[in-house]
């Protein structure tokens, strides 16, 4: 019988992964921590799920060269940041904005990036 309470660390780990602006190294540390706490079938299921995405193996390879590591420093392992950006654009690109120029969209990007970086 599986004791549900022994998996409460999963909800904490998922919440951490949903955090904004995590570096790839931090995301991998969370994932490794989860892997170290799982055993048996749950671990097998996680590994099977991770192996379905061969690109994740490329991101987590410790033998990556320095330039590649710099390029992927803030690459998300989860899609939360991507979904968050869609929500931001949804509020920017509405039908009521008839005169929105590319330059103004760039300004919105800078504002949102600064908001993210400086926690405004």
N, C-alpha and C. Protein backbone atom coordinates (compact mmCIF):
# COMPACT_ATOMS: atom_id res chain seq x y z
N UNK A 1 0.84 -1.18 0.00
CA UNK A 1 0.00 0.00 0.00
C UNK A 1 0.89 1.25 0.00
N UNK A 2 0.55 2.22 -0.85
CA UNK A 2 1.34 3.44 -0.95
C UNK A 2 0.77 4.48 0.00
N UNK A 3 1.64 5.03 0.79
CA UNK A 3 1.27 6.08 1.74
C UNK A 3 1.39 7.43 1.04
N UNK A 4 0.25 8.11 0.86
CA UNK A 4 0.22 9.39 0.14
C UNK A 4 1.09 10.44 0.83
N UNK A 5 1.13 10.44 2.13
CA UNK A 5 1.88 11.46 2.86
C UNK A 5 3.38 11.43 2.56
N UNK A 6 3.88 10.29 2.12
CA UNK A 6 5.31 10.21 1.81
C UNK A 6 5.66 10.96 0.52
N UNK A 7 4.65 11.41 -0.22
CA UNK A 7 4.89 12.13 -1.47
C UNK A 7 4.59 13.62 -1.38
N UNK A 8 4.47 14.17 -0.18
CA UNK A 8 4.18 15.60 -0.05
C UNK A 8 5.32 16.46 -0.61
N UNK A 9 6.52 15.92 -0.66
CA UNK A 9 7.65 16.67 -1.23
C UNK A 9 7.41 16.99 -2.70
N UNK A 10 6.59 16.18 -3.38
CA UNK A 10 6.31 16.44 -4.79
C UNK A 10 5.58 17.76 -4.99
N UNK A 11 4.61 18.05 -4.15
CA UNK A 11 3.88 19.32 -4.30
C UNK A 11 4.81 20.50 -4.04
N UNK A 12 5.70 20.37 -3.08
CA UNK A 12 6.66 21.45 -2.80
C UNK A 12 7.62 21.63 -3.98
N UNK A 13 8.04 20.52 -4.58
CA UNK A 13 8.96 20.60 -5.71
C UNK A 13 8.27 21.21 -6.93
N UNK A 14 7.04 20.84 -7.17
CA UNK A 14 6.29 21.39 -8.30
C UNK A 14 6.10 22.89 -8.11
N UNK A 15 5.78 23.29 -6.89
CA UNK A 15 5.61 24.72 -6.60
C UNK A 15 6.90 25.48 -6.85
N UNK A 16 8.02 24.90 -6.47
CA UNK A 16 9.32 25.54 -6.73
C UNK A 16 9.57 25.67 -8.22
N UNK A 17 9.27 24.60 -8.99
CA UNK A 17 9.49 24.63 -10.42
C UNK A 17 8.59 25.64 -11.12
N UNK A 18 7.46 25.95 -10.52
CA UNK A 18 6.55 26.95 -11.09
C UNK A 18 7.01 28.37 -10.81
N UNK A 19 8.04 28.52 -10.00
CA UNK A 19 8.57 29.84 -9.68
C UNK A 19 9.10 30.52 -10.93
N UNK A 20 9.08 31.81 -10.91
CA UNK A 20 9.47 32.59 -12.08
C UNK A 20 10.98 32.79 -12.11
N UNK A 21 11.58 32.60 -13.29
CA UNK A 21 12.97 32.92 -13.50
C UNK A 21 13.99 31.99 -12.87
N UNK A 22 13.63 30.74 -12.66
CA UNK A 22 14.61 29.80 -12.11
C UNK A 22 15.69 29.51 -13.14
N UNK A 23 16.90 29.45 -12.69
CA UNK A 23 17.99 29.05 -13.58
C UNK A 23 17.91 27.55 -13.81
N UNK A 24 18.46 27.13 -14.93
CA UNK A 24 18.43 25.72 -15.28
C UNK A 24 19.06 24.87 -14.19
N UNK A 25 20.16 25.35 -13.63
CA UNK A 25 20.84 24.61 -12.56
C UNK A 25 19.91 24.38 -11.37
N UNK A 26 19.14 25.40 -11.00
CA UNK A 26 18.20 25.27 -9.88
C UNK A 26 17.09 24.27 -10.21
N UNK A 27 16.61 24.31 -11.46
CA UNK A 27 15.57 23.38 -11.87
C UNK A 27 16.07 21.94 -11.82
N UNK A 28 17.31 21.74 -12.30
CA UNK A 28 17.89 20.39 -12.30
C UNK A 28 18.10 19.89 -10.87
N UNK A 29 18.51 20.79 -9.97
CA UNK A 29 18.68 20.41 -8.57
C UNK A 29 17.37 19.95 -7.95
N UNK A 30 16.28 20.64 -8.28
CA UNK A 30 14.95 20.24 -7.77
C UNK A 30 14.60 18.87 -8.32
N UNK A 31 14.81 18.67 -9.62
CA UNK A 31 14.51 17.39 -10.24
C UNK A 31 15.36 16.27 -9.64
N UNK A 32 16.64 16.52 -9.44
CA UNK A 32 17.52 15.51 -8.84
C UNK A 32 17.09 15.17 -7.41
N UNK A 33 16.65 16.18 -6.69
CA UNK A 33 16.17 15.96 -5.32
C UNK A 33 14.94 15.04 -5.32
N UNK A 34 14.03 15.29 -6.26
CA UNK A 34 12.85 14.44 -6.38
C UNK A 34 13.26 13.01 -6.72
N UNK A 35 14.16 12.88 -7.69
CA UNK A 35 14.62 11.54 -8.08
C UNK A 35 15.25 10.80 -6.90
N UNK A 36 15.98 11.52 -6.07
CA UNK A 36 16.66 10.86 -4.94
C UNK A 36 15.66 10.38 -3.88
N UNK A 37 14.49 10.98 -3.84
CA UNK A 37 13.49 10.60 -2.84
C UNK A 37 12.52 9.53 -3.33
N UNK A 38 12.47 9.33 -4.64
CA UNK A 38 11.57 8.32 -5.19
C UNK A 38 12.28 6.97 -5.29
N UNK A 39 11.48 5.92 -5.20
CA UNK A 39 12.01 4.56 -5.32
C UNK A 39 10.99 3.71 -6.06
N UNK A 40 11.46 2.64 -6.65
CA UNK A 40 10.56 1.67 -7.27
C UNK A 40 9.77 2.21 -8.44
N UNK A 41 8.48 1.84 -8.48
CA UNK A 41 7.60 2.20 -9.59
C UNK A 41 7.47 3.71 -9.80
N UNK A 42 7.32 4.52 -8.74
CA UNK A 42 7.23 5.97 -8.97
C UNK A 42 8.47 6.53 -9.67
N UNK A 43 9.66 6.07 -9.28
CA UNK A 43 10.89 6.52 -9.93
C UNK A 43 10.94 6.05 -11.38
N UNK A 44 10.55 4.79 -11.62
CA UNK A 44 10.52 4.27 -12.98
C UNK A 44 9.58 5.09 -13.86
N UNK A 45 8.43 5.45 -13.32
CA UNK A 45 7.46 6.23 -14.08
C UNK A 45 7.99 7.63 -14.41
N UNK A 46 8.66 8.25 -13.45
CA UNK A 46 9.26 9.56 -13.69
C UNK A 46 10.34 9.45 -14.76
N UNK A 47 11.22 8.48 -14.64
CA UNK A 47 12.30 8.29 -15.62
C UNK A 47 11.73 8.04 -17.02
N UNK A 48 10.69 7.22 -17.10
CA UNK A 48 10.05 6.93 -18.38
C UNK A 48 9.48 8.21 -18.98
N UNK A 49 8.86 9.01 -18.16
CA UNK A 49 8.28 10.27 -18.61
C UNK A 49 9.36 11.23 -19.09
N UNK A 50 10.45 11.34 -18.35
CA UNK A 50 11.55 12.23 -18.73
C UNK A 50 12.22 11.77 -20.02
N UNK A 51 12.32 10.46 -20.20
CA UNK A 51 12.98 9.93 -21.39
C UNK A 51 12.16 10.13 -22.66
N UNK A 52 10.89 10.47 -22.51
CA UNK A 52 10.06 10.75 -23.68
C UNK A 52 10.47 12.06 -24.35
N UNK A 53 11.20 12.88 -23.62
CA UNK A 53 11.67 14.15 -24.17
C UNK A 53 13.19 14.09 -24.29
N UNK A 54 13.68 13.70 -25.46
CA UNK A 54 15.14 13.55 -25.62
C UNK A 54 15.89 14.88 -25.48
N UNK A 55 15.21 16.00 -25.71
CA UNK A 55 15.88 17.30 -25.59
C UNK A 55 16.24 17.60 -24.13
N UNK A 56 15.46 17.09 -23.20
CA UNK A 56 15.79 17.33 -21.79
C UNK A 56 17.12 16.71 -21.43
N UNK A 57 17.46 15.59 -22.06
CA UNK A 57 18.75 14.96 -21.79
C UNK A 57 19.89 15.85 -22.25
N UNK A 58 19.69 16.55 -23.38
CA UNK A 58 20.72 17.45 -23.89
C UNK A 58 20.94 18.61 -22.92
N UNK A 59 19.86 19.13 -22.34
CA UNK A 59 19.95 20.25 -21.42
C UNK A 59 20.61 19.86 -20.10
N UNK A 60 20.41 18.63 -19.69
CA UNK A 60 20.91 18.21 -18.38
C UNK A 60 22.25 17.50 -18.43
N UNK A 61 22.85 17.41 -19.60
CA UNK A 61 24.14 16.73 -19.77
C UNK A 61 25.25 17.57 -19.12
N UNK A 62 25.94 17.02 -18.11
CA UNK A 62 27.00 17.78 -17.45
C UNK A 62 28.22 18.02 -18.33
N UNK A 63 28.32 17.31 -19.46
CA UNK A 63 29.47 17.46 -20.36
C UNK A 63 29.27 18.56 -21.40
N UNK A 64 28.17 19.32 -21.31
CA UNK A 64 27.95 20.42 -22.26
C UNK A 64 29.08 21.43 -22.16
N UNK A 65 29.44 22.02 -23.31
CA UNK A 65 30.50 23.02 -23.29
C UNK A 65 30.01 24.33 -22.66
N UNK A 66 30.94 25.18 -22.32
CA UNK A 66 30.66 26.41 -21.59
C UNK A 66 29.70 27.33 -22.35
N UNK A 67 29.89 27.50 -23.65
CA UNK A 67 29.02 28.37 -24.44
C UNK A 67 27.58 27.88 -24.42
N UNK A 68 27.40 26.58 -24.56
CA UNK A 68 26.05 26.02 -24.54
C UNK A 68 25.40 26.24 -23.17
N UNK A 69 26.18 26.06 -22.12
CA UNK A 69 25.65 26.26 -20.76
C UNK A 69 25.19 27.70 -20.56
N UNK A 70 25.92 28.65 -21.12
CA UNK A 70 25.54 30.06 -21.00
C UNK A 70 24.24 30.31 -21.78
N UNK A 71 24.13 29.72 -22.95
CA UNK A 71 22.94 29.92 -23.78
C UNK A 71 21.67 29.38 -23.12
N UNK A 72 21.79 28.30 -22.36
CA UNK A 72 20.60 27.66 -21.79
C UNK A 72 20.42 27.97 -20.31
N UNK A 73 21.16 28.94 -19.81
CA UNK A 73 21.16 29.24 -18.38
C UNK A 73 19.75 29.42 -17.81
N UNK A 74 18.86 30.10 -18.55
CA UNK A 74 17.51 30.34 -18.07
C UNK A 74 16.46 29.55 -18.86
N UNK A 75 16.88 28.50 -19.55
CA UNK A 75 15.93 27.69 -20.30
C UNK A 75 15.00 26.97 -19.34
N UNK A 76 13.70 27.06 -19.59
CA UNK A 76 12.77 26.40 -18.66
C UNK A 76 12.66 24.90 -18.93
N UNK A 77 12.70 24.11 -17.87
CA UNK A 77 12.43 22.68 -17.99
C UNK A 77 10.93 22.42 -17.96
N UNK A 78 10.18 23.36 -17.43
CA UNK A 78 8.72 23.26 -17.39
C UNK A 78 8.14 24.42 -18.17
N UNK A 79 6.89 24.31 -18.56
CA UNK A 79 6.29 25.31 -19.45
C UNK A 79 5.60 26.45 -18.71
N UNK A 80 5.77 26.57 -17.41
CA UNK A 80 5.08 27.59 -16.64
C UNK A 80 5.45 29.00 -17.10
N UNK A 81 6.74 29.27 -17.30
CA UNK A 81 7.15 30.61 -17.76
C UNK A 81 6.60 30.92 -19.14
N UNK A 82 6.53 29.91 -20.00
CA UNK A 82 5.99 30.11 -21.34
C UNK A 82 4.50 30.44 -21.25
N UNK A 83 3.78 29.68 -20.44
CA UNK A 83 2.34 29.94 -20.27
C UNK A 83 2.12 31.32 -19.65
N UNK A 84 2.97 31.69 -18.73
CA UNK A 84 2.87 33.01 -18.11
C UNK A 84 3.04 34.12 -19.16
N UNK A 85 3.98 33.93 -20.08
CA UNK A 85 4.19 34.94 -21.12
C UNK A 85 2.98 35.02 -22.05
N UNK A 86 2.34 33.88 -22.34
CA UNK A 86 1.12 33.92 -23.16
C UNK A 86 0.03 34.72 -22.46
N UNK A 87 -0.08 34.55 -21.16
CA UNK A 87 -1.08 35.32 -20.41
C UNK A 87 -0.80 36.81 -20.48
N UNK A 88 0.46 37.18 -20.40
CA UNK A 88 0.84 38.59 -20.49
C UNK A 88 0.47 39.14 -21.86
N UNK A 89 0.81 38.40 -22.92
CA UNK A 89 0.50 38.87 -24.26
C UNK A 89 -1.00 38.89 -24.52
N UNK A 90 -1.72 37.99 -23.89
CA UNK A 90 -3.18 37.99 -24.03
C UNK A 90 -3.77 39.30 -23.52
N UNK A 91 -3.20 39.81 -22.45
CA UNK A 91 -3.70 41.08 -21.91
C UNK A 91 -3.21 42.27 -22.74
N UNK A 92 -2.11 42.11 -23.44
CA UNK A 92 -1.57 43.20 -24.26
C UNK A 92 -2.26 43.23 -25.62
N UNK A 93 -2.38 42.07 -26.24
CA UNK A 93 -2.91 42.00 -27.61
C UNK A 93 -4.42 41.74 -27.60
N UNK A 94 -5.19 42.72 -27.22
CA UNK A 94 -6.64 42.59 -27.21
C UNK A 94 -7.24 43.27 -28.43
N UNK A 95 -8.50 43.01 -28.70
CA UNK A 95 -9.20 43.63 -29.83
C UNK A 95 -9.34 45.13 -29.66
N UNK A 96 -9.27 45.60 -28.43
CA UNK A 96 -9.44 47.03 -28.18
C UNK A 96 -8.19 47.84 -28.53
N UNK A 97 -7.09 47.19 -28.78
CA UNK A 97 -5.84 47.89 -29.10
C UNK A 97 -5.66 47.93 -30.62
N UNK A 98 -6.27 48.90 -31.25
CA UNK A 98 -6.24 49.01 -32.71
C UNK A 98 -4.96 49.64 -33.23
N UNK A 99 -4.31 50.47 -32.45
CA UNK A 99 -3.14 51.22 -32.92
C UNK A 99 -1.84 50.76 -32.27
N UNK A 100 -1.78 49.51 -31.87
CA UNK A 100 -0.58 49.00 -31.22
C UNK A 100 0.49 48.73 -32.28
N UNK A 101 1.61 49.41 -32.15
CA UNK A 101 2.71 49.25 -33.11
C UNK A 101 3.72 48.23 -32.60
N UNK A 102 4.59 47.80 -33.49
CA UNK A 102 5.65 46.88 -33.09
C UNK A 102 6.56 47.51 -32.04
N UNK A 103 6.78 48.81 -32.19
CA UNK A 103 7.62 49.53 -31.22
C UNK A 103 6.98 49.51 -29.83
N UNK A 104 5.68 49.69 -29.76
CA UNK A 104 5.00 49.65 -28.46
C UNK A 104 5.01 48.25 -27.86
N UNK A 105 4.92 47.24 -28.71
CA UNK A 105 5.02 45.86 -28.22
C UNK A 105 6.41 45.63 -27.62
N UNK A 106 7.44 46.17 -28.28
CA UNK A 106 8.80 46.07 -27.72
C UNK A 106 8.86 46.75 -26.36
N UNK A 107 8.22 47.90 -26.22
CA UNK A 107 8.21 48.62 -24.93
C UNK A 107 7.52 47.78 -23.86
N UNK A 108 6.40 47.13 -24.22
CA UNK A 108 5.72 46.25 -23.27
C UNK A 108 6.65 45.12 -22.83
N UNK A 109 7.42 44.58 -23.81
CA UNK A 109 8.37 43.51 -23.47
C UNK A 109 9.41 43.99 -22.47
N UNK A 110 9.95 45.17 -22.70
CA UNK A 110 10.97 45.72 -21.79
C UNK A 110 10.37 45.93 -20.40
N UNK A 111 9.18 46.49 -20.35
CA UNK A 111 8.52 46.73 -19.05
C UNK A 111 8.30 45.42 -18.32
N UNK A 112 7.79 44.42 -19.02
CA UNK A 112 7.53 43.13 -18.38
C UNK A 112 8.82 42.43 -17.97
N UNK A 113 9.86 42.58 -18.77
CA UNK A 113 11.15 41.98 -18.42
C UNK A 113 11.71 42.67 -17.17
N UNK A 114 11.65 43.99 -17.15
CA UNK A 114 12.14 44.72 -15.97
C UNK A 114 11.33 44.39 -14.74
N UNK A 115 10.02 44.23 -14.92
CA UNK A 115 9.16 43.85 -13.80
C UNK A 115 9.61 42.50 -13.23
N UNK A 116 9.91 41.58 -14.14
CA UNK A 116 10.37 40.26 -13.74
C UNK A 116 11.74 40.33 -13.05
N UNK A 117 12.67 41.09 -13.62
CA UNK A 117 14.02 41.16 -13.09
C UNK A 117 14.11 41.89 -11.76
N UNK A 118 13.31 42.93 -11.61
CA UNK A 118 13.43 43.78 -10.42
C UNK A 118 12.27 43.64 -9.45
N UNK A 119 11.38 42.70 -9.72
CA UNK A 119 10.24 42.46 -8.84
C UNK A 119 9.49 43.74 -8.51
N UNK A 120 9.15 44.50 -9.53
CA UNK A 120 8.44 45.78 -9.37
C UNK A 120 7.00 45.52 -9.03
